[in-house]
């Protein structure tokens, strides 16, 4: 399908809609800013790499049968070369997004509308901020992003859907989306920022005395009962390791939301194609793996994703997911740790409140007015809560 962008951006281009990532070669996708470790204007984000997005489809996790039908945008120059792209899906539900719009869907349908299907621009099952309107290195970023934002609106109109949503978008994308008439939504996560710490002890020195003692005791308690911690990456990620981790993932995912989103094939494929971008923090006891957390490694950040265990031990979750991530980021010189969605318990462990952003296009004027009013009040509340939480963090006064 080809569509005409509603953007006022100058220049000749064509927007095509692709139903799968097979429509993009690895080489052309890797030429987009942020999608590979090649030097670019945007730090490498593993979640928008060709490998990660392709594996989600090839494993059967993000496909039409699971409610994620590919509608990916290709912005092409007259010679057919790729200028920009958007990972986009036609969704029949709101699961696996982490920016919750169930209330919007209920209100719209009670008023006589049909909320689903909708367009969703995101990395499925991944609440991590990153590029969403991807630009080829060397292309004019403002022109390309304006064209892609306009293309999303045109696609929503062509399909007759209720809405188009761009979640966990970066600042540059949000500028283009606001200019295109998308509404802005704020939410909150907790990130650790590495301010040049030499080691974990150096980081602790920035905390109040009481908090330092608490965290030292917590980390000691997590390793009782003979528990050992390993960092596994690259060639360490054998199929036996994936078997153990998948058992952890299924146990935790089944208890949290009933049907975990990722299948066993996903983890094998990620291990084959992205092993050097993956860190599993694994806990062992008595020679057996008992708990683990999977992280993805960007050029400047560590992204915590999934955790699971088959034995419960005090503070082990905090050690494996948060403290070890800080250790790894400091050792590898990464700027920050993004530890996933929600979780105010991260604050006490040195993570700081951070605003995340999404953008929403709602063609129905009445629906748009109602949501716009709600979002203005929600943004104020998110800001107020963030300021309050920041004041009660573990850092010494003035830090």
Foldseek 3Di string as FASTA:
>chain_A
DKWAFPFPFDADKIKAWDQALVVPDQVLQCQWPQQDCPDAPHFNDVLSHSLNLRLCVVQPLQDVVNFWGWGKIFIAHPVRRGFKIAGKTFGQDPPQAQPDDVVLQVVQVVVPHHQHREMETDRGNAQAADAGTIGGGPDDVLSSLLRVLRVNVRVCVVVVHQKHKYFNYDPVNVVSNVVVPWFKFKDKFWKFFCPLALAVVSVLVQFDPVLSVVVVVLLVQLCPQPKDKDKAFQPSDDLVNLVVAVVFQCVVQCVPPNDDSDDSSSSVSCNVPPRRQKIKIFMDHPRHTFKIWIWGHIPAEIETHTIGGNDDGRSNCCVRQPVVRVRVCNVVVHGMYGRDDDDLVCQSVRIAMDMGMMTMDGPPVVSVVVVNVVRVVNVVVNVVVRVVSRVPGRGDPPD
